[in-house]
Amino acid sequence: MFYDEIYPPKIVSVTIEKDGDDVAQIFVDRLRQKVKDIYDFIKEQEKKFKHVKNLKDFDREVYETATTCHICNKPFKSEDKQSKRSLSSNE
């Protein structure tokens, strides 16, 4: 999954270091920090792609201007450009 690359899954354990440690509070504090990290990441991505007003239009533009197959990275032949058929397809 995409998010596993950003936040690899890992087991988290909390050891009580002294009497009176509130393990539940430590867990909640760490969870809040993770939520903040995710929020910051999303905001950073929004800034990076703020010029893209409509993703459908952006995708269409990328599709229409493609000169290579997005799967095999081979250039389209002139007859392929019309249909954008992958050179790696079996058709």
N, C-alpha and C. Protein backbone atom coordinates (compact mmCIF):
# COMPACT_ATOMS: atom_id res chain seq x y z
N MET A 1 0.84 -1.18 0.00
CA MET A 1 0.00 0.00 0.00
C MET A 1 0.88 1.24 0.00
N PHE A 2 0.41 2.28 -0.64
CA PHE A 2 1.16 3.54 -0.76
C PHE A 2 1.59 4.08 0.60
N TYR A 3 0.70 4.05 1.57
CA TYR A 3 1.01 4.65 2.86
C TYR A 3 2.09 3.88 3.61
N ASP A 4 2.26 2.60 3.28
CA ASP A 4 3.31 1.83 3.92
C ASP A 4 4.69 2.38 3.57
N GLU A 5 4.81 3.02 2.41
CA GLU A 5 6.08 3.62 2.02
C GLU A 5 6.37 4.86 2.84
N ILE A 6 5.33 5.58 3.21
CA ILE A 6 5.50 6.82 3.96
C ILE A 6 5.65 6.52 5.45
N TYR A 7 4.77 5.69 5.94
CA TYR A 7 4.79 5.29 7.34
C TYR A 7 4.83 3.77 7.41
N PRO A 8 6.05 3.22 7.39
CA PRO A 8 6.13 1.76 7.42
C PRO A 8 5.46 1.21 8.69
N PRO A 9 4.71 0.12 8.53
CA PRO A 9 4.05 -0.45 9.71
C PRO A 9 5.10 -0.96 10.69
N LYS A 10 4.88 -0.70 11.94
CA LYS A 10 5.80 -1.20 12.95
C LYS A 10 5.04 -1.36 14.26
N ILE A 11 5.54 -2.28 15.04
CA ILE A 11 4.94 -2.51 16.36
C ILE A 11 5.52 -1.47 17.31
N VAL A 12 4.64 -0.85 18.04
CA VAL A 12 5.05 0.17 19.00
C VAL A 12 4.77 -0.35 20.39
N SER A 13 5.76 -0.26 21.25
CA SER A 13 5.55 -0.67 22.63
C SER A 13 5.98 0.47 23.55
N VAL A 14 5.32 0.55 24.66
CA VAL A 14 5.63 1.58 25.65
C VAL A 14 5.96 0.86 26.96
N THR A 15 7.11 1.18 27.48
CA THR A 15 7.53 0.58 28.75
C THR A 15 7.39 1.63 29.85
N ILE A 16 6.77 1.23 30.90
CA ILE A 16 6.63 2.14 32.03
C ILE A 16 8.00 2.30 32.67
N GLU A 17 8.46 3.55 32.72
CA GLU A 17 9.78 3.80 33.27
C GLU A 17 9.72 4.10 34.76
N LYS A 18 8.60 4.61 35.20
CA LYS A 18 8.46 4.91 36.63
C LYS A 18 6.99 4.78 37.00
N ASP A 19 6.74 4.57 38.25
CA ASP A 19 5.35 4.51 38.70
C ASP A 19 4.67 5.83 38.39
N GLY A 20 3.45 5.72 37.96
CA GLY A 20 2.70 6.92 37.65
C GLY A 20 2.71 7.27 36.17
N ASP A 21 3.53 6.57 35.37
CA ASP A 21 3.48 6.80 33.92
C ASP A 21 2.10 6.43 33.41
N ASP A 22 1.53 7.31 32.65
CA ASP A 22 0.20 7.07 32.07
C ASP A 22 0.38 6.54 30.65
N VAL A 23 0.37 5.22 30.52
CA VAL A 23 0.61 4.58 29.23
C VAL A 23 -0.44 5.01 28.21
N ALA A 24 -1.68 5.13 28.63
CA ALA A 24 -2.75 5.55 27.72
C ALA A 24 -2.48 6.95 27.19
N GLN A 25 -2.01 7.86 28.07
CA GLN A 25 -1.71 9.23 27.63
C GLN A 25 -0.53 9.25 26.66
N ILE A 26 0.47 8.43 26.94
CA ILE A 26 1.62 8.35 26.04
C ILE A 26 1.16 7.87 24.66
N PHE A 27 0.28 6.87 24.63
CA PHE A 27 -0.26 6.36 23.38
C PHE A 27 -1.01 7.45 22.62
N VAL A 28 -1.88 8.18 23.34
CA VAL A 28 -2.66 9.25 22.71
C VAL A 28 -1.74 10.35 22.19
N ASP A 29 -0.72 10.70 22.93
CA ASP A 29 0.22 11.74 22.49
C ASP A 29 0.94 11.32 21.21
N ARG A 30 1.37 10.07 21.17
CA ARG A 30 2.05 9.56 19.97
C ARG A 30 1.09 9.51 18.78
N LEU A 31 -0.14 9.11 19.04
CA LEU A 31 -1.15 9.06 17.98
C LEU A 31 -1.42 10.45 17.43
N ARG A 32 -1.53 11.43 18.32
CA ARG A 32 -1.73 12.81 17.88
C ARG A 32 -0.57 13.28 17.00
N GLN A 33 0.66 12.91 17.38
CA GLN A 33 1.82 13.31 16.59
C GLN A 33 1.76 12.67 15.21
N LYS A 34 1.35 11.41 15.12
CA LYS A 34 1.22 10.74 13.82
C LYS A 34 0.17 11.43 12.96
N VAL A 35 -0.95 11.80 13.56
CA VAL A 35 -2.00 12.50 12.83
C VAL A 35 -1.47 13.83 12.32
N LYS A 36 -0.72 14.55 13.13
CA LYS A 36 -0.12 15.82 12.72
C LYS A 36 0.86 15.59 11.56
N ASP A 37 1.66 14.54 11.64
CA ASP A 37 2.61 14.24 10.57
C ASP A 37 1.89 13.96 9.25
N ILE A 38 0.80 13.21 9.33
CA ILE A 38 0.02 12.90 8.13
C ILE A 38 -0.60 14.18 7.57
N TYR A 39 -1.16 15.01 8.44
CA TYR A 39 -1.75 16.28 8.02
C TYR A 39 -0.71 17.16 7.33
N ASP A 40 0.49 17.26 7.93
CA ASP A 40 1.57 18.06 7.34
C ASP A 40 1.97 17.51 5.97
N PHE A 41 2.03 16.19 5.85
CA PHE A 41 2.38 15.57 4.57
C PHE A 41 1.34 15.92 3.51
N ILE A 42 0.08 15.83 3.86
CA ILE A 42 -1.00 16.13 2.90
C ILE A 42 -0.92 17.60 2.48
N LYS A 43 -0.71 18.49 3.42
CA LYS A 43 -0.60 19.91 3.10
C LYS A 43 0.59 20.18 2.17
N GLU A 44 1.70 19.49 2.43
CA GLU A 44 2.88 19.64 1.58
C GLU A 44 2.58 19.18 0.15
N GLN A 45 1.86 18.08 0.01
CA GLN A 45 1.50 17.58 -1.31
C GLN A 45 0.53 18.53 -2.01
N GLU A 46 -0.40 19.11 -1.26
CA GLU A 46 -1.33 20.08 -1.85
C GLU A 46 -0.57 21.29 -2.39
N LYS A 47 0.43 21.76 -1.65
CA LYS A 47 1.23 22.89 -2.12
C LYS A 47 1.99 22.51 -3.38
N LYS A 48 2.51 21.30 -3.41
CA LYS A 48 3.31 20.84 -4.54
C LYS A 48 2.47 20.78 -5.81
N PHE A 49 1.19 20.42 -5.67
CA PHE A 49 0.34 20.24 -6.84
C PHE A 49 -0.79 21.28 -6.91
N LYS A 50 -0.59 22.45 -6.31
CA LYS A 50 -1.64 23.45 -6.29
C LYS A 50 -1.94 24.00 -7.67
N HIS A 51 -0.99 23.90 -8.60
CA HIS A 51 -1.21 24.38 -9.96
C HIS A 51 -2.20 23.49 -10.71
N VAL A 52 -2.45 22.29 -10.22
CA VAL A 52 -3.38 21.38 -10.87
C VAL A 52 -4.77 21.67 -10.30
N LYS A 53 -5.56 22.39 -11.07
CA LYS A 53 -6.88 22.78 -10.57
C LYS A 53 -7.90 21.65 -10.72
N ASN A 54 -7.78 20.92 -11.79
CA ASN A 54 -8.73 19.85 -12.04
C ASN A 54 -7.93 18.62 -12.47
N LEU A 55 -7.89 17.62 -11.62
CA LEU A 55 -7.08 16.45 -11.90
C LEU A 55 -7.50 15.74 -13.18
N LYS A 56 -8.79 15.74 -13.48
CA LYS A 56 -9.24 15.11 -14.71
C LYS A 56 -8.64 15.81 -15.93
N ASP A 57 -8.63 17.14 -15.91
CA ASP A 57 -8.03 17.89 -17.01
C ASP A 57 -6.53 17.63 -17.08
N PHE A 58 -5.89 17.56 -15.93
CA PHE A 58 -4.46 17.29 -15.86
C PHE A 58 -4.16 15.90 -16.45
N ASP A 59 -4.94 14.90 -16.04
CA ASP A 59 -4.76 13.54 -16.57
C ASP A 59 -4.97 13.52 -18.08
N ARG A 60 -5.98 14.23 -18.54
CA ARG A 60 -6.28 14.26 -19.97
C ARG A 60 -5.11 14.87 -20.73
N GLU A 61 -4.56 15.96 -20.21
CA GLU A 61 -3.43 16.62 -20.86
C GLU A 61 -2.21 15.69 -20.91
N VAL A 62 -1.94 15.02 -19.82
CA VAL A 62 -0.82 14.07 -19.79
C VAL A 62 -1.05 12.97 -20.81
N TYR A 63 -2.27 12.45 -20.87
CA TYR A 63 -2.61 11.39 -21.82
C TYR A 63 -2.44 11.87 -23.26
N GLU A 64 -2.97 13.04 -23.56
CA GLU A 64 -2.95 13.55 -24.93
C GLU A 64 -1.56 13.94 -25.41
N THR A 65 -0.68 14.29 -24.49
CA THR A 65 0.66 14.71 -24.89
C THR A 65 1.69 13.59 -24.74
N ALA A 66 1.25 12.41 -24.32
CA ALA A 66 2.18 11.30 -24.12
C ALA A 66 2.83 10.90 -25.44
N THR A 67 4.11 10.66 -25.38
CA THR A 67 4.85 10.20 -26.56
C THR A 67 5.42 8.80 -26.34
N THR A 68 5.30 8.32 -25.10
CA THR A 68 5.79 6.98 -24.78
C THR A 68 4.73 6.22 -24.00
N CYS A 69 4.83 4.92 -24.04
CA CYS A 69 3.93 4.05 -23.28
C CYS A 69 4.25 4.17 -21.80
N HIS A 70 3.24 4.37 -20.97
CA HIS A 70 3.49 4.52 -19.53
C HIS A 70 3.84 3.19 -18.87
N ILE A 71 3.65 2.08 -19.57
CA ILE A 71 3.96 0.77 -19.00
C ILE A 71 5.39 0.35 -19.36
N CYS A 72 5.70 0.39 -20.66
CA CYS A 72 7.01 -0.11 -21.11
C CYS A 72 8.00 1.00 -21.44
N ASN A 73 7.54 2.25 -21.45
CA ASN A 73 8.37 3.42 -21.74
C ASN A 73 8.94 3.45 -23.15
N LYS A 74 8.40 2.65 -24.04
CA LYS A 74 8.83 2.69 -25.44
C LYS A 74 8.06 3.77 -26.16
N PRO A 75 8.70 4.44 -27.12
CA PRO A 75 8.00 5.50 -27.85
C PRO A 75 6.86 4.93 -28.70
N PHE A 76 5.80 5.71 -28.85
CA PHE A 76 4.70 5.33 -29.72
C PHE A 76 5.14 5.44 -31.17
N LYS A 77 4.65 4.53 -31.99
CA LYS A 77 4.81 4.67 -33.43
C LYS A 77 3.75 5.66 -33.88
N SER A 78 3.90 6.23 -35.04
CA SER A 78 2.94 7.24 -35.49
C SER A 78 1.52 6.69 -35.52
N GLU A 79 1.35 5.43 -35.90
CA GLU A 79 -0.01 4.87 -35.93
C GLU A 79 -0.54 4.58 -34.53
N ASP A 80 0.34 4.43 -33.54
CA ASP A 80 -0.08 4.19 -32.17
C ASP A 80 -0.53 5.46 -31.47
N LYS A 81 0.00 6.60 -31.90
CA LYS A 81 -0.29 7.86 -31.21
C LYS A 81 -1.78 8.17 -31.23
N GLN A 82 -2.44 7.79 -32.30
CA GLN A 82 -3.87 8.08 -32.39
C GLN A 82 -4.65 7.35 -31.30
N SER A 83 -4.34 6.10 -31.08
CA SER A 83 -5.10 5.31 -30.11
C SER A 83 -4.40 5.23 -28.76
N LYS A 84 -3.14 5.64 -28.69
CA LYS A 84 -2.34 5.55 -27.47
C LYS A 84 -2.26 4.11 -26.97
N ARG A 85 -2.30 3.18 -27.90
CA ARG A 85 -2.24 1.76 -27.54
C ARG A 85 -0.81 1.44 -27.13
N SER A 86 -0.67 0.74 -26.05
CA SER A 86 0.65 0.37 -25.53
C SER A 86 1.35 -0.56 -26.50
N LEU A 87 2.63 -0.34 -26.67
CA LEU A 87 3.42 -1.24 -27.48
C LEU A 87 3.57 -2.58 -26.79
N SER A 88 3.36 -2.60 -25.48
CA SER A 88 3.50 -3.84 -24.75
C SER A 88 2.20 -4.63 -24.69
N SER A 89 1.13 -4.08 -25.25
CA SER A 89 -0.14 -4.81 -25.20
C SER A 89 -0.12 -5.98 -26.16
N ASN A 90 -0.96 -6.95 -25.90
CA ASN A 90 -1.02 -8.15 -26.74
C ASN A 90 -1.99 -8.01 -27.88
N GLU A 91 -2.65 -6.88 -27.98
CA GLU A 91 -3.66 -6.70 -29.03
C GLU A 91 -3.02 -6.41 -30.37
